[in-house]
Amino acid sequence: MNRPKIPKSDYSQIAKYYDEVRPKAAPALVSMLIQYGEIHDVSAVLDVGCGTGRFTLSIRNVENLFCALDPSIDMLKQAKAKDTSSTVHWIRGDGQNLPFKDSFFNCVYMTAVIHHIENKNLALKEAHRVLGTDGSFVIMTFSHSGLKKHILRDFPGVIEIDLKRVPSVPSLKKTMKMTGFRNVRYHIVQIEEGFVSTDEYLKRVRNKYVSTLSLLSEDEFRRGLRVFEKKARKKYGARIRKIDRFVFLVGKK
């Protein structure tokens, strides 16, 4: 029996409002990427699925050779416009077919990207191929248990989509080992952002600040939004304690 196909996010549309609804990369997450990726001043670094450059522009420095790749030309245009020092090589491309020679980078990383990639095995093989010996590979993603604790669990249909498209941490760890990565491990990270007003958070939800919301039909989104707004105001009152949960999977070549 064929499994239903998981819909894809249309980032040519999402790019129009992405930077308005997504805050800058959290400093704690940037520090962890630098630490786990062992990124130094002279490192050659590749950001796969860079989007509008939230993490790229927070990590790069003038000494790095920094390449940032994304399939969406609209996202890349926004990223390039923010790169006032022109120190990043912005490249349109596919994580399943990286346009780089073998053993070129010291670090390859993906932030909240792996669930968007259709052939995850191929993407990991490509990351392994372009890494040099002792190079570091980092995937920042979400655990299924973390998804079930997210505020949007009360938005009808969201968790069902995410549990289908986000690979589990054990499966990713297994695939990384099979690909040839060594010393594969993962770190669970919880970022507390303090409190945000319920009105402000609902505004972000209405603007579809996470890509999953854009995968719902407009009718599903409107119906779900009414349910979610009612639940959120009843459960949280005037403000919501914002907690983000991430998993960093790390491997060495």
Protein backbone atom coordinates (compact mmCIF):
# COMPACT_ATOMS: atom_id res chain seq x y z
CA MET A 1 0.00 0.00 0.00
CA ASN A 2 1.38 3.42 -0.99
CA ARG A 3 1.79 5.91 1.82
CA PRO A 4 0.24 9.37 1.24
CA LYS A 5 2.75 11.86 -0.10
CA ILE A 6 3.80 14.53 2.36
CA PRO A 7 3.22 18.01 0.93
CA LYS A 8 6.15 20.36 0.35
CA SER A 9 6.52 23.92 1.54
CA ASP A 10 6.52 26.57 -1.19
CA TYR A 11 9.35 28.87 -0.19
CA SER A 12 8.79 31.20 -3.14
CA GLN A 13 5.63 32.20 -1.28
CA ILE A 14 7.05 31.88 2.25
CA ALA A 15 9.98 34.14 1.32
CA LYS A 16 7.59 37.09 1.04
CA TYR A 17 7.01 37.16 4.79
CA TYR A 18 9.69 34.88 6.27
CA ASP A 19 11.90 37.53 7.88
CA GLU A 20 8.88 39.35 9.30
CA VAL A 21 7.62 36.35 11.27
CA ARG A 22 10.91 34.67 12.18
CA PRO A 23 13.13 36.28 14.81
CA LYS A 24 16.89 36.36 14.40
CA ALA A 25 18.78 33.16 15.16
CA ALA A 26 18.98 32.69 18.93
CA PRO A 27 22.55 33.39 20.15
CA ALA A 28 22.54 30.16 22.18
CA LEU A 29 21.80 28.12 19.04
CA VAL A 30 24.47 29.96 17.06
CA SER A 31 27.02 29.21 19.80
CA MET A 32 26.08 25.53 19.76
CA LEU A 33 26.46 25.30 16.00
CA ILE A 34 29.92 26.85 16.26
CA GLN A 35 30.84 24.49 19.10
CA TYR A 36 29.48 21.25 17.64
CA GLY A 37 30.64 22.15 14.12
CA GLU A 38 34.09 23.06 15.45
CA ILE A 39 33.97 26.22 13.35
CA HIS A 40 37.12 28.31 13.60
CA ASP A 41 38.29 31.50 11.93
CA VAL A 42 39.85 29.66 8.98
CA SER A 43 37.18 26.97 8.57
CA ALA A 44 35.49 26.31 5.24
CA VAL A 45 31.79 26.09 6.11
CA LEU A 46 28.66 25.08 4.20
CA ASP A 47 25.13 25.97 5.32
CA VAL A 48 22.70 23.61 3.53
CA GLY A 49 19.22 25.11 3.29
CA CYS A 50 20.32 28.56 4.41
CA GLY A 51 17.00 30.30 3.75
CA THR A 52 17.33 34.04 4.27
CA GLY A 53 20.67 33.58 6.03
CA ARG A 54 19.57 33.76 9.67
CA PHE A 55 22.30 31.40 10.86
CA THR A 56 24.79 32.06 8.07
CA LEU A 57 25.06 35.76 8.83
CA SER A 58 25.29 35.12 12.59
CA ILE A 59 28.19 32.66 12.25
CA ARG A 60 30.34 33.87 9.36
CA ASN A 61 33.34 36.11 9.77
CA VAL A 62 35.78 37.64 7.31
CA GLU A 63 38.31 34.81 7.74
CA ASN A 64 35.89 31.97 6.94
CA LEU A 65 35.24 30.57 3.50
CA PHE A 66 31.47 30.48 3.90
CA CYS A 67 29.10 28.98 1.35
CA ALA A 68 25.32 29.06 1.81
CA LEU A 69 23.05 26.96 -0.39
CA ASP A 70 19.29 26.98 -0.88
CA PRO A 71 16.94 25.85 -3.69
CA SER A 72 14.77 28.99 -3.40
CA ILE A 73 16.00 31.96 -5.40
CA ASP A 74 13.57 34.19 -3.48
CA MET A 75 15.05 33.23 -0.11
CA LEU A 76 18.59 33.72 -1.46
CA LYS A 77 17.75 37.20 -2.76
CA GLN A 78 16.75 38.27 0.73
CA ALA A 79 19.83 36.68 2.25
CA LYS A 80 22.17 38.36 -0.21
CA ALA A 81 20.54 41.74 0.39
CA LYS A 82 21.37 41.44 4.10
CA ASP A 83 25.00 40.46 3.42
CA THR A 84 26.34 44.00 3.33
CA SER A 85 29.98 42.88 3.59
CA SER A 86 29.58 40.36 0.73
CA THR A 87 31.57 37.71 2.59
CA VAL A 88 29.29 34.77 1.84
CA HIS A 89 29.02 32.77 -1.39
CA TRP A 90 25.24 32.47 -1.89
CA ILE A 91 24.46 29.53 -4.16
CA ARG A 92 21.22 28.17 -5.54
CA GLY A 93 21.36 24.41 -5.27
CA ASP A 94 20.00 21.15 -3.92
CA GLY A 95 21.24 19.41 -0.77
CA GLN A 96 20.81 16.10 -2.59
CA ASN A 97 23.33 17.12 -5.27
CA LEU A 98 25.88 19.52 -3.81
CA PRO A 99 27.83 21.52 -6.42
CA PHE A 100 31.17 21.16 -4.64
CA LYS A 101 34.21 18.95 -5.01
CA ASP A 102 35.02 16.12 -2.61
CA SER A 103 36.56 16.83 0.81
CA PHE A 104 36.20 20.60 0.45
CA PHE A 105 34.65 21.73 3.76
CA ASN A 106 35.61 21.57 7.44
CA CYS A 107 31.97 21.83 8.53
CA VAL A 108 28.59 21.21 6.93
CA TYR A 109 25.43 22.00 8.85
CA MET A 110 21.65 22.04 8.40
CA THR A 111 19.27 23.97 10.64
CA ALA A 112 15.62 22.85 10.63
CA VAL A 113 16.08 21.64 7.05
CA ILE A 114 16.28 17.84 7.02
CA HIS A 115 12.48 17.41 7.04
CA HIS A 116 12.25 19.45 3.82
CA ILE A 117 14.65 17.16 1.93
CA GLU A 118 12.99 14.35 -0.02
CA ASN A 119 15.92 11.90 -0.22
CA LYS A 120 17.52 12.22 3.19
CA ASN A 121 19.96 9.33 2.62
CA LEU A 122 21.33 11.02 -0.49
CA ALA A 123 21.62 14.38 1.29
CA LEU A 124 23.68 12.79 4.09
CA LYS A 125 25.91 11.04 1.55
CA GLU A 126 26.50 14.35 -0.19
CA ALA A 127 27.37 16.06 3.11
CA HIS A 128 29.81 13.24 3.87
CA ARG A 129 31.35 13.50 0.39
CA VAL A 130 32.12 17.23 0.55
CA LEU A 131 33.56 17.07 4.07
CA GLY A 132 37.28 16.69 4.57
CA THR A 133 38.85 14.20 6.98
CA ASP A 134 37.83 15.02 10.57
CA GLY A 135 35.21 17.41 9.23
CA SER A 136 32.09 17.96 11.33
CA PHE A 137 28.49 17.48 10.25
CA VAL A 138 25.68 19.00 12.31
CA ILE A 139 21.93 18.61 11.92
CA MET A 140 19.69 20.82 14.03
CA THR A 141 16.22 19.29 14.06
CA PHE A 142 13.28 18.36 16.29
CA SER A 143 12.47 15.22 18.25
CA HIS A 144 9.02 13.69 18.03
CA SER A 145 8.59 14.11 21.78
CA GLY A 146 9.52 17.77 21.47
CA LEU A 147 7.01 18.30 18.67
CA LYS A 148 4.27 16.86 20.88
CA LYS A 149 5.08 19.48 23.54
CA HIS A 150 5.10 22.44 21.17
CA ILE A 151 2.47 25.15 21.58
CA LEU A 152 1.12 24.34 18.11
CA ARG A 153 0.09 20.86 19.22
CA ASP A 154 -3.30 22.49 19.84
CA PHE A 155 -3.59 23.59 16.21
CA PRO A 156 -5.61 20.87 14.42
CA GLY A 157 -3.57 18.98 11.83
CA VAL A 158 -0.14 20.45 12.59
CA ILE A 159 1.34 17.66 14.71
CA GLU A 160 0.05 14.99 12.34
CA ILE A 161 1.93 16.63 9.45
CA ASP A 162 5.14 17.16 11.41
CA LEU A 163 5.31 13.64 12.81
CA LYS A 164 5.13 12.35 9.22
CA ARG A 165 7.72 14.66 7.70
CA VAL A 166 10.26 15.08 10.52
CA PRO A 167 12.50 12.00 10.76
CA SER A 168 12.95 10.57 14.25
CA VAL A 169 16.25 11.12 16.03
CA PRO A 170 17.05 7.36 16.23
CA SER A 171 16.46 6.95 12.48
CA LEU A 172 18.69 9.94 11.65
CA LYS A 173 21.42 8.68 13.95
CA LYS A 174 21.27 5.25 12.30
CA THR A 175 21.40 6.76 8.81
CA MET A 176 24.38 8.94 9.71
CA LYS A 177 26.30 5.89 10.92
CA MET A 178 25.38 3.90 7.80
CA THR A 179 26.55 6.81 5.65
CA GLY A 180 29.99 6.60 7.23
CA PHE A 181 29.94 9.27 9.91
CA ARG A 182 31.75 8.31 13.11
CA ASN A 183 31.34 9.38 16.71
CA VAL A 184 27.66 10.11 16.01
CA ARG A 185 25.86 11.58 19.00
CA TYR A 186 23.01 13.93 19.78
CA HIS A 187 22.36 16.73 22.24
CA ILE A 188 18.92 17.85 23.39
CA VAL A 189 18.64 21.60 23.79
CA GLN A 190 15.85 23.65 25.36
CA ILE A 191 15.78 27.39 24.78
CA GLU A 192 13.56 29.48 27.05
CA GLU A 193 12.67 32.76 25.39
CA GLY A 194 10.71 34.12 28.33
CA PHE A 195 7.15 35.27 27.91
CA VAL A 196 5.42 36.63 24.83
CA SER A 197 1.98 38.18 24.84
CA THR A 198 -0.72 35.83 23.60
CA ASP A 199 -1.85 38.49 21.13
CA GLU A 200 1.66 38.76 19.68
CA TYR A 201 2.06 35.00 19.39
CA LEU A 202 -1.33 34.61 17.73
CA LYS A 203 -0.29 37.30 15.24
CA ARG A 204 2.74 35.17 14.31
CA VAL A 205 0.52 32.11 13.91
CA ARG A 206 -1.89 34.04 11.67
CA ASN A 207 1.14 34.95 9.55
CA LYS A 208 2.12 31.23 9.34
CA TYR A 209 5.48 31.64 11.04
CA VAL A 210 6.23 27.91 10.78
CA SER A 211 6.20 26.19 7.40
CA THR A 212 3.77 23.48 8.56
CA LEU A 213 0.96 26.02 8.71
CA SER A 214 1.48 26.80 5.02
CA LEU A 215 0.88 23.12 4.18
CA LEU A 216 -2.71 23.28 5.35
CA SER A 217 -5.36 24.29 2.84
CA GLU A 218 -6.65 27.81 3.42
CA ASP A 219 -9.94 26.35 4.64
CA GLU A 220 -8.15 23.98 7.05
CA PHE A 221 -5.97 26.83 8.28
CA ARG A 222 -8.92 29.15 8.98
CA ARG A 223 -10.88 26.47 10.81
CA GLY A 224 -7.84 25.39 12.80
CA LEU A 225 -6.94 28.98 13.64
CA ARG A 226 -10.33 29.55 15.25
CA VAL A 227 -9.89 26.43 17.39
CA PHE A 228 -6.29 27.31 18.29
CA GLU A 229 -7.02 30.93 19.26
CA LYS A 230 -9.81 29.83 21.59
CA LYS A 231 -7.64 27.16 23.24
CA ALA A 232 -4.61 29.43 23.55
CA ARG A 233 -6.50 32.23 25.28
CA LYS A 234 -8.15 29.78 27.68
CA LYS A 235 -4.94 27.85 28.44
CA TYR A 236 -2.39 30.68 28.63
CA GLY A 237 -4.34 33.83 29.39
CA ALA A 238 -2.58 37.05 28.45
CA ARG A 239 0.93 35.66 27.94
CA ILE A 240 2.66 32.49 26.80
CA ARG A 241 5.89 31.09 28.14
CA LYS A 242 7.88 30.45 24.96
CA ILE A 243 10.08 27.35 25.03
CA ASP A 244 11.80 25.93 21.96
CA ARG A 245 13.20 22.39 21.91
CA PHE A 246 15.86 21.27 19.45
CA VAL A 247 18.12 18.30 18.88
CA PHE A 248 21.66 18.61 17.54
CA LEU A 249 22.94 15.48 15.82
CA VAL A 250 26.70 15.57 15.34
CA GLY A 251 29.07 13.32 13.41
CA LYS A 252 32.66 13.33 12.19
CA LYS A 253 34.02 12.15 8.87
